[in-house]
């Protein structure tokens, strides 16, 4: 029996778990299933229940929950030797002030730096820091967040990238790429939400390098549904693809919209089911 929690993929049994925690009925259904399909936005609790009680689960979100947030992703990049900008992570302000000799610390600091809070997407909560005064201001923002119960940030070496990055999307065994290019000199970052534009044709050689790097990373980690942000330094050439972030719930514009993503996802799930030697009863 095939069980789907995804609202756009119909299986032998279909359950919606949006906005609630999984319960005993979910557990019974998962235990009876040969394979389980989950939505992109599933809770950690639903994923854990599925992984612990069914041998076959799509998508593979092991890395998403084991290496949560931007801090977790930085640790994942380091542990897998994935090339990425030099990074220091801090669970809170105390950890920052208690390690003045770390990268970004008081005694070794050089600007510009990139400051990222542990949460957020599409360029939110990411800042280019050009001076100690700017760093002090964003650290005050971090203090305000900590008062509200949210903590954690990282500092990265700034890589001049020509105001662009490659988005590589993996859907099952399919990999798609395109550039996100920021034409405004007033904006930092290349997210579409900040006004960047899509270019699927520029520098195909660099796109191929980015896709190859992401494929190798996915083979190593098991990730099969995510959008990766890959950076290339503007100089020198040829440049090495650098991993910036993993987006497990990513935008669809660069893929041709939601309908096209769901087609890709439907095909990926069916291929995954076939690879298991299983089939849907009505297919």
Protein backbone atom coordinates (compact mmCIF):
# COMPACT_ATOMS: atom_id res chain seq x y z
CA UNK A 1 0.00 0.00 0.00
CA UNK A 2 1.25 3.44 -0.99
CA UNK A 3 0.52 6.27 1.45
CA UNK A 4 0.65 9.94 0.45
CA UNK A 5 0.60 13.00 2.67
CA UNK A 6 1.25 15.23 -0.32
CA UNK A 7 -1.89 17.12 -1.41
CA UNK A 8 -0.91 16.94 -5.10
CA UNK A 9 0.09 13.28 -5.30
CA UNK A 10 -2.69 10.70 -5.13
CA UNK A 11 -1.71 7.27 -3.81
CA UNK A 12 -3.59 4.21 -2.56
CA UNK A 13 -4.29 6.02 0.71
CA UNK A 14 -4.17 9.79 1.17
CA UNK A 15 -3.96 11.74 4.42
CA UNK A 16 -3.53 15.46 5.06
CA UNK A 17 -1.47 16.39 8.12
CA UNK A 18 -1.15 20.13 7.52
CA UNK A 19 -1.43 22.25 10.66
CA UNK A 20 -1.47 19.36 13.11
CA UNK A 21 0.83 16.86 14.77
CA UNK A 22 0.65 13.22 13.63
CA UNK A 23 -1.44 10.93 15.80
CA UNK A 24 -2.14 7.23 16.38
CA UNK A 25 -4.10 6.93 13.14
CA UNK A 26 -1.13 8.30 11.21
CA UNK A 27 1.17 5.84 12.93
CA UNK A 28 -1.06 2.91 12.02
CA UNK A 29 -1.29 4.03 8.39
CA UNK A 30 2.47 4.52 8.10
CA UNK A 31 3.19 1.10 9.60
CA UNK A 32 0.84 -0.50 7.09
CA UNK A 33 2.41 1.28 4.12
CA UNK A 34 5.09 -0.04 1.78
CA UNK A 35 6.15 3.52 1.01
CA UNK A 36 5.25 7.01 2.22
CA UNK A 37 5.24 10.29 0.26
CA UNK A 38 5.51 13.46 2.35
CA UNK A 39 4.95 17.14 1.47
CA UNK A 40 7.79 19.65 1.32
CA UNK A 41 6.50 21.48 4.37
CA UNK A 42 6.06 18.49 6.68
CA UNK A 43 6.79 18.80 10.39
CA UNK A 44 9.82 17.15 11.94
CA UNK A 45 7.44 14.94 13.96
CA UNK A 46 5.72 13.53 10.86
CA UNK A 47 9.04 12.89 9.14
CA UNK A 48 10.45 11.14 12.20
CA UNK A 49 7.34 8.97 12.48
CA UNK A 50 7.58 7.99 8.82
CA UNK A 51 11.33 7.26 8.89
CA UNK A 52 11.07 5.17 12.05
CA UNK A 53 8.11 3.10 10.89
CA UNK A 54 8.43 2.68 7.12
CA UNK A 55 11.43 1.54 5.09
CA UNK A 56 10.69 3.81 2.12
CA UNK A 57 10.07 7.55 2.50
CA UNK A 58 10.14 10.32 -0.12
CA UNK A 59 11.58 12.91 0.00
CA UNK A 60 14.75 12.23 1.98
CA UNK A 61 14.82 14.96 4.62
CA UNK A 62 17.43 13.35 6.89
CA UNK A 63 19.88 16.21 6.33
CA UNK A 64 17.14 18.83 6.60
CA UNK A 65 16.31 17.89 10.17
CA UNK A 66 19.72 16.66 11.35
CA UNK A 67 21.43 19.83 10.10
CA UNK A 68 18.65 22.34 10.67
CA UNK A 69 18.93 26.04 9.92
CA UNK A 70 21.81 27.91 8.35
CA UNK A 71 24.08 26.92 11.24
CA UNK A 72 23.30 23.27 10.64
CA UNK A 73 23.91 23.64 6.92
CA UNK A 74 27.31 25.20 7.55
CA UNK A 75 28.17 22.18 9.69
CA UNK A 76 26.95 19.83 6.96
CA UNK A 77 29.10 21.58 4.34
CA UNK A 78 32.12 21.30 6.62
CA UNK A 79 31.54 17.63 7.47
CA UNK A 80 31.11 16.66 3.82
CA UNK A 81 34.05 18.81 2.65
CA UNK A 82 31.74 20.72 0.33
CA UNK A 83 33.47 23.95 -0.74
CA UNK A 84 31.83 26.99 0.86
CA UNK A 85 32.82 30.48 2.04
CA UNK A 86 34.81 30.57 5.28
CA UNK A 87 32.19 30.54 8.01
CA UNK A 88 31.92 30.94 11.78
CA UNK A 89 28.70 29.98 13.56
CA UNK A 90 27.37 31.29 16.86
CA UNK A 91 24.45 29.84 18.82
CA UNK A 92 23.99 33.14 20.64
CA UNK A 93 25.69 36.45 21.38
CA UNK A 94 27.60 35.01 24.33
CA UNK A 95 29.30 32.49 22.07
CA UNK A 96 30.33 35.34 19.77
CA UNK A 97 31.77 37.57 22.48
CA UNK A 98 33.47 34.65 24.24
CA UNK A 99 35.46 33.69 21.13
CA UNK A 100 37.25 36.87 19.99
CA UNK A 101 39.85 34.89 18.03
CA UNK A 102 37.36 33.04 15.84
CA UNK A 103 36.74 34.06 12.24
CA UNK A 104 34.81 37.31 12.47
CA UNK A 105 35.91 37.77 16.07
CA UNK A 106 37.26 41.01 17.42
CA UNK A 107 40.96 40.27 16.99
CA UNK A 108 40.78 38.77 13.48
CA UNK A 109 37.96 40.71 11.88
CA UNK A 110 38.21 42.21 8.41
CA UNK A 111 35.46 43.67 6.27
CA UNK A 112 33.32 43.17 4.33
CA UNK A 113 31.58 40.22 6.00
CA UNK A 114 28.22 38.57 5.45
CA UNK A 115 25.97 38.21 8.50
CA UNK A 116 23.14 35.65 8.41
CA UNK A 117 20.62 34.79 11.05
CA UNK A 118 20.00 31.07 11.51
CA UNK A 119 16.52 31.35 10.00
CA UNK A 120 14.88 32.95 6.99
CA UNK A 121 14.92 32.44 3.26
CA UNK A 122 14.89 34.30 -0.06
CA UNK A 123 17.54 36.69 1.21
CA UNK A 124 15.70 37.65 4.40
CA UNK A 125 17.85 38.21 7.49
CA UNK A 126 21.07 38.37 5.46
CA UNK A 127 23.27 41.48 5.65
CA UNK A 128 26.45 42.73 4.01
CA UNK A 129 28.60 44.21 6.78
CA UNK A 130 31.17 46.82 5.75
CA UNK A 131 32.25 48.25 9.11
CA UNK A 132 32.33 47.70 12.86
CA UNK A 133 29.44 50.14 13.26
CA UNK A 134 27.28 48.10 10.88
CA UNK A 135 28.21 44.92 12.72
CA UNK A 136 27.30 46.49 16.05
CA UNK A 137 23.88 47.45 14.69
CA UNK A 138 23.08 43.95 13.45
CA UNK A 139 24.36 42.47 16.72
CA UNK A 140 21.86 44.70 18.51
CA UNK A 141 19.18 43.23 16.27
CA UNK A 142 20.43 39.79 17.31
CA UNK A 143 20.08 40.83 20.96
CA UNK A 144 16.49 41.90 20.31
CA UNK A 145 15.74 38.53 18.70
CA UNK A 146 17.29 36.72 21.67
CA UNK A 147 14.97 38.58 24.03
CA UNK A 148 12.11 37.13 21.99
CA UNK A 149 13.50 33.62 22.17
CA UNK A 150 15.25 33.35 18.78
CA UNK A 151 19.02 33.03 18.62
CA UNK A 152 21.83 31.95 16.36
CA UNK A 153 23.74 33.55 13.50
CA UNK A 154 26.78 33.07 11.33
CA UNK A 155 29.46 35.22 9.76
CA UNK A 156 30.90 34.45 6.35
CA UNK A 157 33.76 35.72 4.29
CA UNK A 158 32.35 37.95 1.55
CA UNK A 159 32.96 36.58 -1.94
CA UNK A 160 32.60 39.15 -4.77
CA UNK A 161 30.28 37.28 -7.13
CA UNK A 162 29.14 39.81 -9.71
CA UNK A 163 25.77 40.02 -7.93
CA UNK A 164 24.60 36.64 -9.13
CA UNK A 165 24.31 33.01 -8.02
CA UNK A 166 23.25 29.71 -9.54
CA UNK A 167 20.14 27.98 -8.22
CA UNK A 168 20.32 24.21 -8.72
CA UNK A 169 17.07 22.38 -8.01
CA UNK A 170 16.97 18.63 -7.45
CA UNK A 171 13.64 16.82 -7.84
CA UNK A 172 14.24 13.11 -7.47
CA UNK A 173 16.96 12.34 -10.01
CA UNK A 174 16.35 15.48 -12.09
CA UNK A 175 18.65 18.49 -11.74
CA UNK A 176 17.76 21.92 -13.14
CA UNK A 177 19.79 25.12 -12.97
CA UNK A 178 19.51 28.82 -13.71
CA UNK A 179 21.23 32.06 -12.76
CA UNK A 180 19.65 34.62 -10.46
CA UNK A 181 21.14 37.99 -11.36
CA UNK A 182 20.81 41.18 -9.31
CA UNK A 183 21.02 44.21 -11.60
CA UNK A 184 20.41 46.79 -8.88
CA UNK A 185 23.53 48.22 -7.28
CA UNK A 186 21.40 49.20 -4.28
CA UNK A 187 20.57 45.61 -3.32
CA UNK A 188 22.73 42.92 -1.74
CA UNK A 189 22.03 39.33 -2.67
CA UNK A 190 20.54 37.64 -5.70
CA UNK A 191 17.19 36.34 -4.49
CA UNK A 192 14.19 36.86 -6.74
CA UNK A 193 12.32 38.37 -3.80
CA UNK A 194 14.90 41.18 -3.80
CA UNK A 195 14.47 41.93 -7.48
CA UNK A 196 16.93 39.55 -9.12
CA UNK A 197 16.08 38.22 -12.56
CA UNK A 198 16.31 34.70 -13.97
CA UNK A 199 18.74 33.76 -16.74
CA UNK A 200 18.80 30.09 -17.66
CA UNK A 201 21.24 30.51 -20.56
CA UNK A 202 24.23 32.48 -19.23
CA UNK A 203 27.57 30.75 -18.68
CA UNK A 204 26.41 27.16 -19.26
CA UNK A 205 29.89 25.89 -18.34
CA UNK A 206 29.56 27.31 -14.83
CA UNK A 207 26.03 25.97 -14.54
CA UNK A 208 27.35 22.52 -15.44
CA UNK A 209 29.99 22.81 -12.72
CA UNK A 210 27.31 23.81 -10.21
CA UNK A 211 25.06 20.90 -11.19
CA UNK A 212 27.95 18.43 -10.99
CA UNK A 213 28.85 19.67 -7.50
CA UNK A 214 25.24 19.41 -6.32
CA UNK A 215 24.85 15.91 -7.80
CA UNK A 216 27.92 14.72 -5.92
CA UNK A 217 26.65 16.34 -2.73
CA UNK A 218 23.21 14.75 -3.10
CA UNK A 219 24.77 11.33 -3.69
CA UNK A 220 26.68 11.82 -0.45
CA UNK A 221 23.80 13.12 1.66
CA UNK A 222 20.72 11.50 0.12
CA UNK A 223 18.99 14.83 -0.53
CA UNK A 224 16.47 14.45 -3.38
CA UNK A 225 14.22 17.51 -3.12
CA UNK A 226 15.80 20.92 -2.54
CA UNK A 227 17.06 24.11 -4.11
CA UNK A 228 20.78 24.83 -3.71
CA UNK A 229 22.33 28.29 -3.91
CA UNK A 230 25.77 28.08 -5.52
CA UNK A 231 28.22 30.96 -5.69
CA UNK A 232 31.08 31.58 -8.11
CA UNK A 233 33.69 34.22 -7.33
CA UNK A 234 33.88 36.83 -10.07
CA UNK A 235 37.66 36.43 -10.11
CA UNK A 236 39.76 34.44 -10.75
CA UNK A 237 38.52 32.16 -13.51
CA UNK A 238 37.92 29.28 -13.61
CA UNK A 239 36.14 29.55 -10.28
CA UNK A 240 35.13 26.79 -7.90
CA UNK A 241 31.42 26.35 -7.11
CA UNK A 242 30.80 27.33 -3.48
CA UNK A 243 27.79 26.08 -1.51
CA UNK A 244 25.83 28.87 0.15
CA UNK A 245 22.50 27.45 1.31
CA UNK A 246 20.02 24.61 0.91
CA UNK A 247 16.38 25.57 0.48
CA UNK A 248 14.02 22.69 1.17
CA UNK A 249 10.97 24.81 0.41
CA UNK A 250 12.02 26.76 -2.66
CA UNK A 251 10.51 29.17 -5.16
CA UNK A 252 9.05 27.87 -8.41
CA UNK A 253 9.41 30.77 -10.84
CA UNK A 254 12.72 29.55 -12.20
CA UNK A 255 11.13 26.17 -12.88
CA UNK A 256 8.24 27.57 -14.87
CA UNK A 257 5.78 27.89 -12.00
CA UNK A 258 4.05 25.61 -9.52
CA UNK A 259 2.29 23.49 -12.14
CA UNK A 260 5.59 22.55 -13.76
CA UNK A 261 7.13 21.75 -10.38
CA UNK A 262 4.23 19.43 -9.56
CA UNK A 263 4.71 17.65 -12.90
CA UNK A 264 8.39 17.18 -12.11
CA UNK A 265 7.54 16.01 -8.61
CA UNK A 266 4.88 13.58 -9.82
CA UNK A 267 7.34 12.03 -12.28
CA UNK A 268 10.05 11.85 -9.62
CA UNK A 269 7.75 10.08 -7.16
CA UNK A 270 6.55 7.56 -9.76
CA UNK A 271 10.16 6.84 -10.76
CA UNK A 272 11.06 6.40 -7.09
CA UNK A 273 8.16 3.99 -6.58
CA UNK A 274 9.21 1.99 -9.64
CA UNK A 275 12.80 1.85 -8.39
CA UNK A 276 11.50 0.15 -5.25
CA UNK A 277 9.75 -2.52 -7.30
CA UNK A 278 6.39 -1.20 -6.14
CA UNK A 279 3.39 0.24 -7.95
CA UNK A 280 0.19 2.11 -7.27
CA UNK A 281 -2.88 -0.11 -7.38
CA UNK A 282 -4.69 2.16 -9.82
CA UNK A 283 -1.70 3.02 -12.02
